[in-house]
N, C-alpha and C. Protein backbone atom coordinates (compact mmCIF):
# COMPACT_ATOMS: atom_id res chain seq x y z
N MET A 1 -12.83 140.78 105.98
CA MET A 1 -13.81 141.74 105.50
C MET A 1 -13.74 142.98 106.37
N ASN A 2 -13.86 144.12 105.78
CA ASN A 2 -13.81 145.40 106.47
C ASN A 2 -15.03 145.53 107.38
N PRO A 3 -14.81 145.79 108.69
CA PRO A 3 -15.95 145.85 109.60
C PRO A 3 -16.91 147.00 109.31
N SER A 4 -16.47 148.03 108.59
CA SER A 4 -17.37 149.15 108.29
C SER A 4 -18.31 148.83 107.14
N ILE A 5 -18.07 147.75 106.47
CA ILE A 5 -18.92 147.34 105.35
C ILE A 5 -20.02 146.42 105.88
N ALA A 6 -21.22 146.63 105.39
CA ALA A 6 -22.36 145.81 105.83
C ALA A 6 -22.10 144.35 105.51
N VAL A 7 -22.41 143.49 106.46
CA VAL A 7 -22.28 142.06 106.27
C VAL A 7 -23.65 141.53 105.89
N LEU A 8 -23.72 140.94 104.70
CA LEU A 8 -25.00 140.47 104.17
C LEU A 8 -24.98 138.96 104.02
N SER A 9 -26.14 138.35 104.20
CA SER A 9 -26.29 136.92 103.95
C SER A 9 -26.44 136.72 102.44
N ILE A 10 -26.30 135.48 102.02
CA ILE A 10 -26.45 135.18 100.60
C ILE A 10 -27.88 135.50 100.13
N GLY A 11 -28.85 135.27 101.01
CA GLY A 11 -30.24 135.58 100.66
C GLY A 11 -30.47 137.08 100.47
N ALA A 12 -29.86 137.88 101.35
CA ALA A 12 -30.00 139.33 101.24
C ALA A 12 -29.32 139.85 99.97
N VAL A 13 -28.16 139.29 99.65
CA VAL A 13 -27.45 139.69 98.43
C VAL A 13 -28.29 139.33 97.21
N ALA A 14 -28.83 138.12 97.20
CA ALA A 14 -29.64 137.67 96.07
C ALA A 14 -30.83 138.60 95.86
N LYS A 15 -31.50 138.96 96.94
CA LYS A 15 -32.67 139.83 96.85
C LYS A 15 -32.28 141.21 96.33
N ARG A 16 -31.22 141.79 96.86
CA ARG A 16 -30.78 143.13 96.44
C ARG A 16 -30.32 143.16 94.99
N ALA A 17 -29.68 142.07 94.55
CA ALA A 17 -29.14 142.03 93.18
C ALA A 17 -30.16 141.54 92.17
N GLY A 18 -31.26 140.96 92.66
CA GLY A 18 -32.28 140.45 91.74
C GLY A 18 -31.90 139.15 91.06
N VAL A 19 -31.16 138.30 91.78
CA VAL A 19 -30.76 137.00 91.23
C VAL A 19 -31.11 135.92 92.24
N ALA A 20 -31.05 134.68 91.79
CA ALA A 20 -31.30 133.54 92.68
C ALA A 20 -30.04 133.20 93.48
N ILE A 21 -30.23 132.60 94.63
CA ILE A 21 -29.10 132.16 95.46
C ILE A 21 -28.21 131.21 94.68
N ASP A 22 -28.82 130.29 93.94
CA ASP A 22 -28.04 129.33 93.14
C ASP A 22 -27.18 130.05 92.10
N THR A 23 -27.67 131.16 91.59
CA THR A 23 -26.90 131.95 90.62
C THR A 23 -25.63 132.49 91.27
N ILE A 24 -25.74 132.96 92.49
CA ILE A 24 -24.57 133.47 93.20
C ILE A 24 -23.55 132.36 93.39
N ARG A 25 -24.00 131.21 93.81
CA ARG A 25 -23.08 130.07 94.00
C ARG A 25 -22.43 129.67 92.67
N TYR A 26 -23.23 129.67 91.61
CA TYR A 26 -22.70 129.33 90.29
C TYR A 26 -21.62 130.32 89.87
N TYR A 27 -21.88 131.62 90.04
CA TYR A 27 -20.90 132.63 89.67
C TYR A 27 -19.63 132.52 90.51
N GLU A 28 -19.76 132.11 91.76
CA GLU A 28 -18.58 131.88 92.59
C GLU A 28 -17.75 130.73 92.02
N ARG A 29 -18.43 129.63 91.69
CA ARG A 29 -17.72 128.46 91.12
C ARG A 29 -17.08 128.80 89.78
N ALA A 30 -17.76 129.67 89.00
CA ALA A 30 -17.27 130.05 87.67
C ALA A 30 -16.16 131.10 87.74
N GLY A 31 -15.88 131.62 88.92
CA GLY A 31 -14.82 132.60 89.08
C GLY A 31 -15.23 134.03 88.75
N LEU A 32 -16.52 134.27 88.61
CA LEU A 32 -16.99 135.64 88.35
C LEU A 32 -17.09 136.45 89.64
N LEU A 33 -17.27 135.76 90.73
CA LEU A 33 -17.31 136.39 92.05
C LEU A 33 -16.24 135.76 92.92
N PRO A 34 -15.60 136.55 93.76
CA PRO A 34 -14.61 135.97 94.67
C PRO A 34 -15.29 135.11 95.73
N GLU A 35 -14.55 134.17 96.28
CA GLU A 35 -15.09 133.37 97.38
C GLU A 35 -15.40 134.30 98.53
N PRO A 36 -16.57 134.17 99.12
CA PRO A 36 -16.94 135.06 100.21
C PRO A 36 -16.23 134.68 101.51
N ALA A 37 -16.15 135.65 102.41
CA ALA A 37 -15.65 135.37 103.75
C ALA A 37 -16.68 134.48 104.44
N ARG A 38 -16.23 133.76 105.43
CA ARG A 38 -17.14 132.90 106.19
C ARG A 38 -17.22 133.38 107.63
N ARG A 39 -18.40 133.34 108.16
CA ARG A 39 -18.59 133.65 109.58
C ARG A 39 -18.14 132.45 110.40
N ALA A 40 -18.06 132.63 111.70
CA ALA A 40 -17.68 131.52 112.58
C ALA A 40 -18.64 130.35 112.43
N SER A 41 -19.89 130.65 112.11
CA SER A 41 -20.90 129.60 111.92
C SER A 41 -20.72 128.84 110.61
N GLY A 42 -19.87 129.37 109.72
CA GLY A 42 -19.66 128.73 108.43
C GLY A 42 -20.47 129.36 107.31
N TYR A 43 -21.42 130.22 107.68
CA TYR A 43 -22.23 130.89 106.67
C TYR A 43 -21.41 131.92 105.90
N ARG A 44 -21.76 132.09 104.63
CA ARG A 44 -21.08 133.08 103.79
C ARG A 44 -21.44 134.50 104.26
N SER A 45 -20.46 135.40 104.15
CA SER A 45 -20.68 136.82 104.45
C SER A 45 -20.30 137.63 103.23
N TYR A 46 -21.18 138.52 102.85
CA TYR A 46 -20.96 139.33 101.66
C TYR A 46 -21.02 140.80 102.03
N GLY A 47 -20.39 141.62 101.18
CA GLY A 47 -20.49 143.06 101.32
C GLY A 47 -21.33 143.62 100.18
N GLU A 48 -21.61 144.89 100.26
CA GLU A 48 -22.41 145.57 99.24
C GLU A 48 -21.73 145.49 97.87
N ASP A 49 -20.38 145.36 97.86
CA ASP A 49 -19.65 145.27 96.59
C ASP A 49 -20.08 144.05 95.78
N THR A 50 -20.49 142.98 96.47
CA THR A 50 -20.97 141.78 95.76
C THR A 50 -22.28 142.08 95.05
N VAL A 51 -23.14 142.86 95.68
CA VAL A 51 -24.41 143.25 95.06
C VAL A 51 -24.12 144.04 93.79
N VAL A 52 -23.18 144.98 93.87
CA VAL A 52 -22.82 145.80 92.71
C VAL A 52 -22.28 144.91 91.59
N GLN A 53 -21.42 143.97 91.94
CA GLN A 53 -20.84 143.08 90.93
C GLN A 53 -21.90 142.19 90.30
N LEU A 54 -22.83 141.69 91.09
CA LEU A 54 -23.90 140.86 90.55
C LEU A 54 -24.79 141.65 89.59
N ARG A 55 -25.08 142.88 89.93
CA ARG A 55 -25.87 143.72 89.03
C ARG A 55 -25.12 143.96 87.73
N PHE A 56 -23.83 144.16 87.80
CA PHE A 56 -22.99 144.32 86.60
C PHE A 56 -23.10 143.08 85.72
N ILE A 57 -22.95 141.91 86.33
CA ILE A 57 -23.01 140.65 85.59
C ILE A 57 -24.39 140.49 84.95
N ARG A 58 -25.44 140.76 85.71
CA ARG A 58 -26.80 140.62 85.18
C ARG A 58 -27.04 141.55 83.99
N ARG A 59 -26.61 142.80 84.11
CA ARG A 59 -26.80 143.75 83.00
C ARG A 59 -25.96 143.35 81.78
N ALA A 60 -24.75 142.87 82.01
CA ALA A 60 -23.91 142.44 80.89
C ALA A 60 -24.54 141.24 80.18
N LYS A 61 -25.12 140.32 80.93
CA LYS A 61 -25.82 139.18 80.32
C LYS A 61 -27.00 139.66 79.50
N GLU A 62 -27.75 140.64 80.02
CA GLU A 62 -28.89 141.19 79.29
C GLU A 62 -28.46 141.82 77.98
N LEU A 63 -27.23 142.33 77.92
CA LEU A 63 -26.70 142.92 76.69
C LEU A 63 -26.10 141.87 75.76
N GLY A 64 -26.14 140.62 76.16
CA GLY A 64 -25.69 139.54 75.28
C GLY A 64 -24.26 139.08 75.49
N PHE A 65 -23.59 139.58 76.52
CA PHE A 65 -22.23 139.12 76.76
C PHE A 65 -22.27 137.73 77.36
N THR A 66 -21.30 136.88 76.95
CA THR A 66 -21.18 135.55 77.51
C THR A 66 -20.51 135.65 78.87
N LEU A 67 -20.58 134.57 79.65
CA LEU A 67 -19.92 134.60 80.96
C LEU A 67 -18.41 134.79 80.83
N GLU A 68 -17.82 134.21 79.82
CA GLU A 68 -16.37 134.40 79.61
C GLU A 68 -16.08 135.86 79.29
N GLU A 69 -16.89 136.47 78.46
CA GLU A 69 -16.70 137.89 78.13
C GLU A 69 -16.92 138.76 79.37
N ILE A 70 -17.88 138.39 80.20
CA ILE A 70 -18.13 139.14 81.43
C ILE A 70 -16.93 139.03 82.36
N ARG A 71 -16.35 137.84 82.45
CA ARG A 71 -15.14 137.65 83.27
C ARG A 71 -14.04 138.60 82.80
N GLU A 72 -13.88 138.71 81.48
CA GLU A 72 -12.87 139.60 80.91
C GLU A 72 -13.21 141.06 81.20
N LEU A 73 -14.50 141.42 81.08
CA LEU A 73 -14.92 142.79 81.38
C LEU A 73 -14.64 143.15 82.83
N LEU A 74 -14.89 142.22 83.73
CA LEU A 74 -14.62 142.47 85.14
C LEU A 74 -13.13 142.68 85.37
N ALA A 75 -12.30 141.87 84.71
CA ALA A 75 -10.85 142.04 84.85
C ALA A 75 -10.41 143.37 84.25
N LEU A 76 -10.96 143.71 83.10
CA LEU A 76 -10.59 144.96 82.44
C LEU A 76 -11.04 146.17 83.24
N SER A 77 -12.17 146.06 83.93
CA SER A 77 -12.65 147.20 84.71
C SER A 77 -11.70 147.54 85.85
N ALA A 78 -10.89 146.59 86.26
CA ALA A 78 -9.91 146.84 87.32
C ALA A 78 -8.56 147.27 86.76
N ASP A 79 -8.40 147.22 85.44
CA ASP A 79 -7.12 147.57 84.78
C ASP A 79 -7.09 149.07 84.53
N ARG A 80 -6.31 149.78 85.32
CA ARG A 80 -6.25 151.25 85.21
C ARG A 80 -5.53 151.72 83.95
N GLN A 81 -4.68 150.89 83.36
CA GLN A 81 -3.91 151.30 82.19
C GLN A 81 -4.71 151.21 80.90
N ARG A 82 -5.30 150.05 80.65
CA ARG A 82 -5.98 149.85 79.35
C ARG A 82 -7.43 149.45 79.49
N GLY A 83 -7.95 149.48 80.70
CA GLY A 83 -9.28 148.97 80.96
C GLY A 83 -10.38 149.56 80.12
N VAL A 84 -10.53 150.89 80.12
CA VAL A 84 -11.65 151.52 79.42
C VAL A 84 -11.57 151.29 77.92
N LYS A 85 -10.39 151.42 77.36
CA LYS A 85 -10.22 151.21 75.92
C LYS A 85 -10.59 149.78 75.54
N ALA A 86 -10.11 148.82 76.32
CA ALA A 86 -10.40 147.42 76.02
C ALA A 86 -11.88 147.10 76.22
N VAL A 87 -12.50 147.69 77.23
CA VAL A 87 -13.93 147.48 77.45
C VAL A 87 -14.72 148.01 76.26
N LYS A 88 -14.34 149.20 75.78
CA LYS A 88 -15.02 149.78 74.62
C LYS A 88 -14.87 148.87 73.40
N GLN A 89 -13.66 148.33 73.20
CA GLN A 89 -13.44 147.44 72.06
C GLN A 89 -14.30 146.18 72.17
N ARG A 90 -14.42 145.63 73.38
CA ARG A 90 -15.27 144.45 73.59
C ARG A 90 -16.73 144.79 73.28
N ALA A 91 -17.17 145.94 73.74
CA ALA A 91 -18.55 146.35 73.50
C ALA A 91 -18.79 146.56 72.00
N GLN A 92 -17.81 147.13 71.31
CA GLN A 92 -17.95 147.33 69.86
C GLN A 92 -18.05 145.99 69.14
N ARG A 93 -17.25 145.00 69.55
CA ARG A 93 -17.32 143.67 68.95
C ARG A 93 -18.69 143.03 69.22
N ARG A 94 -19.19 143.19 70.46
CA ARG A 94 -20.50 142.63 70.79
C ARG A 94 -21.58 143.28 69.94
N LEU A 95 -21.51 144.61 69.75
CA LEU A 95 -22.48 145.32 68.92
C LEU A 95 -22.43 144.82 67.48
N ALA A 96 -21.24 144.62 66.94
CA ALA A 96 -21.10 144.12 65.57
C ALA A 96 -21.74 142.73 65.44
N MET A 97 -21.55 141.88 66.44
CA MET A 97 -22.15 140.55 66.41
C MET A 97 -23.68 140.63 66.48
N ILE A 98 -24.18 141.53 67.30
CA ILE A 98 -25.62 141.70 67.42
C ILE A 98 -26.21 142.22 66.12
N GLU A 99 -25.53 143.19 65.50
CA GLU A 99 -26.01 143.72 64.22
C GLU A 99 -26.01 142.65 63.15
N GLN A 100 -25.02 141.77 63.16
CA GLN A 100 -24.98 140.66 62.21
C GLN A 100 -26.15 139.70 62.44
N ARG A 101 -26.43 139.40 63.71
CA ARG A 101 -27.57 138.53 64.03
C ARG A 101 -28.88 139.17 63.61
N ILE A 102 -29.01 140.47 63.83
CA ILE A 102 -30.24 141.17 63.41
C ILE A 102 -30.41 141.08 61.90
N ALA A 103 -29.32 141.29 61.14
CA ALA A 103 -29.41 141.20 59.68
C ALA A 103 -29.82 139.79 59.25
N GLU A 104 -29.26 138.77 59.91
CA GLU A 104 -29.64 137.40 59.59
C GLU A 104 -31.11 137.15 59.90
N LEU A 105 -31.57 137.62 61.05
CA LEU A 105 -32.97 137.45 61.42
C LEU A 105 -33.90 138.20 60.47
N GLN A 106 -33.49 139.36 59.99
CA GLN A 106 -34.30 140.11 59.03
C GLN A 106 -34.40 139.35 57.71
N ARG A 107 -33.30 138.72 57.28
CA ARG A 107 -33.35 137.91 56.05
C ARG A 107 -34.30 136.73 56.23
N VAL A 108 -34.23 136.07 57.38
CA VAL A 108 -35.12 134.94 57.66
C VAL A 108 -36.57 135.43 57.70
N ARG A 109 -36.82 136.55 58.37
CA ARG A 109 -38.17 137.12 58.45
C ARG A 109 -38.71 137.42 57.06
N ASP A 110 -37.90 138.07 56.21
CA ASP A 110 -38.36 138.43 54.88
C ASP A 110 -38.64 137.19 54.04
N GLY A 111 -37.79 136.18 54.14
CA GLY A 111 -38.01 134.94 53.40
C GLY A 111 -39.27 134.23 53.86
N LEU A 112 -39.47 134.16 55.16
CA LEU A 112 -40.66 133.51 55.69
C LEU A 112 -41.92 134.30 55.32
N ALA A 113 -41.86 135.61 55.39
CA ALA A 113 -43.01 136.44 55.02
C ALA A 113 -43.36 136.20 53.55
N SER A 114 -42.36 136.09 52.70
CA SER A 114 -42.59 135.85 51.27
C SER A 114 -43.25 134.48 51.05
N LEU A 115 -42.77 133.48 51.77
CA LEU A 115 -43.36 132.15 51.66
C LEU A 115 -44.81 132.14 52.14
N ILE A 116 -45.06 132.81 53.24
CA ILE A 116 -46.42 132.88 53.78
C ILE A 116 -47.34 133.57 52.79
N GLU A 117 -46.86 134.64 52.19
CA GLU A 117 -47.67 135.39 51.22
C GLU A 117 -47.99 134.54 49.99
N SER A 118 -47.07 133.69 49.58
CA SER A 118 -47.29 132.88 48.38
C SER A 118 -48.09 131.61 48.65
N CYS A 119 -48.32 131.29 49.90
CA CYS A 119 -49.06 130.07 50.26
C CYS A 119 -50.56 130.38 50.32
N PRO A 120 -51.38 129.63 49.57
CA PRO A 120 -52.82 129.89 49.59
C PRO A 120 -53.49 129.45 50.89
N GLY A 121 -52.83 128.58 51.67
CA GLY A 121 -53.42 128.12 52.92
C GLY A 121 -54.36 126.97 52.76
N HIS A 122 -54.43 126.39 51.55
CA HIS A 122 -55.29 125.23 51.31
C HIS A 122 -54.70 124.46 50.14
N GLY A 123 -55.20 123.28 49.92
CA GLY A 123 -54.72 122.46 48.80
C GLY A 123 -53.85 121.32 49.28
N ARG A 124 -53.16 120.72 48.30
CA ARG A 124 -52.31 119.56 48.58
C ARG A 124 -51.01 119.99 49.25
N PRO A 125 -50.55 119.22 50.23
CA PRO A 125 -49.28 119.56 50.89
C PRO A 125 -48.11 119.66 49.91
N GLU A 126 -48.14 118.83 48.85
CA GLU A 126 -47.04 118.86 47.88
C GLU A 126 -46.95 120.20 47.16
N ALA A 127 -48.05 120.92 47.11
CA ALA A 127 -48.09 122.20 46.41
C ALA A 127 -47.81 123.37 47.34
N CYS A 128 -47.64 123.11 48.59
CA CYS A 128 -47.42 124.19 49.56
C CYS A 128 -46.03 124.79 49.39
N PRO A 129 -45.91 126.08 49.09
CA PRO A 129 -44.61 126.70 48.89
C PRO A 129 -43.74 126.67 50.15
N ILE A 130 -44.37 126.69 51.31
CA ILE A 130 -43.59 126.65 52.55
C ILE A 130 -42.93 125.28 52.69
N LEU A 131 -43.71 124.22 52.49
CA LEU A 131 -43.15 122.86 52.58
C LEU A 131 -42.12 122.62 51.48
N GLN A 132 -42.38 123.13 50.28
CA GLN A 132 -41.41 122.99 49.19
C GLN A 132 -40.08 123.66 49.56
N ALA A 133 -40.15 124.85 50.13
CA ALA A 133 -38.93 125.57 50.50
C ALA A 133 -38.16 124.82 51.59
N LEU A 134 -38.89 124.10 52.43
CA LEU A 134 -38.24 123.33 53.49
C LEU A 134 -37.74 121.98 52.98
N GLY A 135 -38.03 121.67 51.71
CA GLY A 135 -37.53 120.42 51.15
C GLY A 135 -38.43 119.25 51.34
N HIS A 136 -39.68 119.47 51.76
CA HIS A 136 -40.60 118.38 51.99
C HIS A 136 -41.64 118.24 50.90
N GLY A 137 -41.55 119.01 49.84
CA GLY A 137 -42.54 118.97 48.78
C GLY A 137 -42.59 117.65 48.04
N ALA A 138 -41.46 116.94 47.99
CA ALA A 138 -41.41 115.70 47.22
C ALA A 138 -41.77 114.48 48.06
N THR A 139 -41.86 114.63 49.37
CA THR A 139 -42.16 113.47 50.20
C THR A 139 -43.65 113.36 50.42
N HIS A 140 -44.12 112.13 50.55
CA HIS A 140 -45.54 111.86 50.78
C HIS A 140 -45.68 111.27 52.16
N HIS A 141 -46.63 111.75 52.91
CA HIS A 141 -46.90 111.23 54.24
C HIS A 141 -48.19 110.43 54.19
N ALA A 142 -48.21 109.31 54.90
CA ALA A 142 -49.40 108.47 54.94
C ALA A 142 -50.41 108.99 55.91
């Protein structure tokens, strides 16, 4: 590790990056973070670059990227030849998937709203349009 770079404990890195210590260890095992240097005492030593990388991972997760996709984004960010273009393509694919999920959720919302509107909220369960739509209108419960 470069001596001019601040040496941080795992706890300090976790606090600065806004993640749990176990999360850092998990990301190390998953290959998202490089193995840290070790002090003579055996404790892990981190630099500020680890904090930056953890924040990147956290923000990418918030945007819906999977850990595998984040691993690829990290690799692409270091690729000077095709990195930015490939990152943009990954982000475009993620956006398309999110838009598809939103459309599906809107269809579900509209269908559920319609069922709620048509349900009087009283009467026999067999006559409930919500239960009928779920396929339970024909079953009788004791």
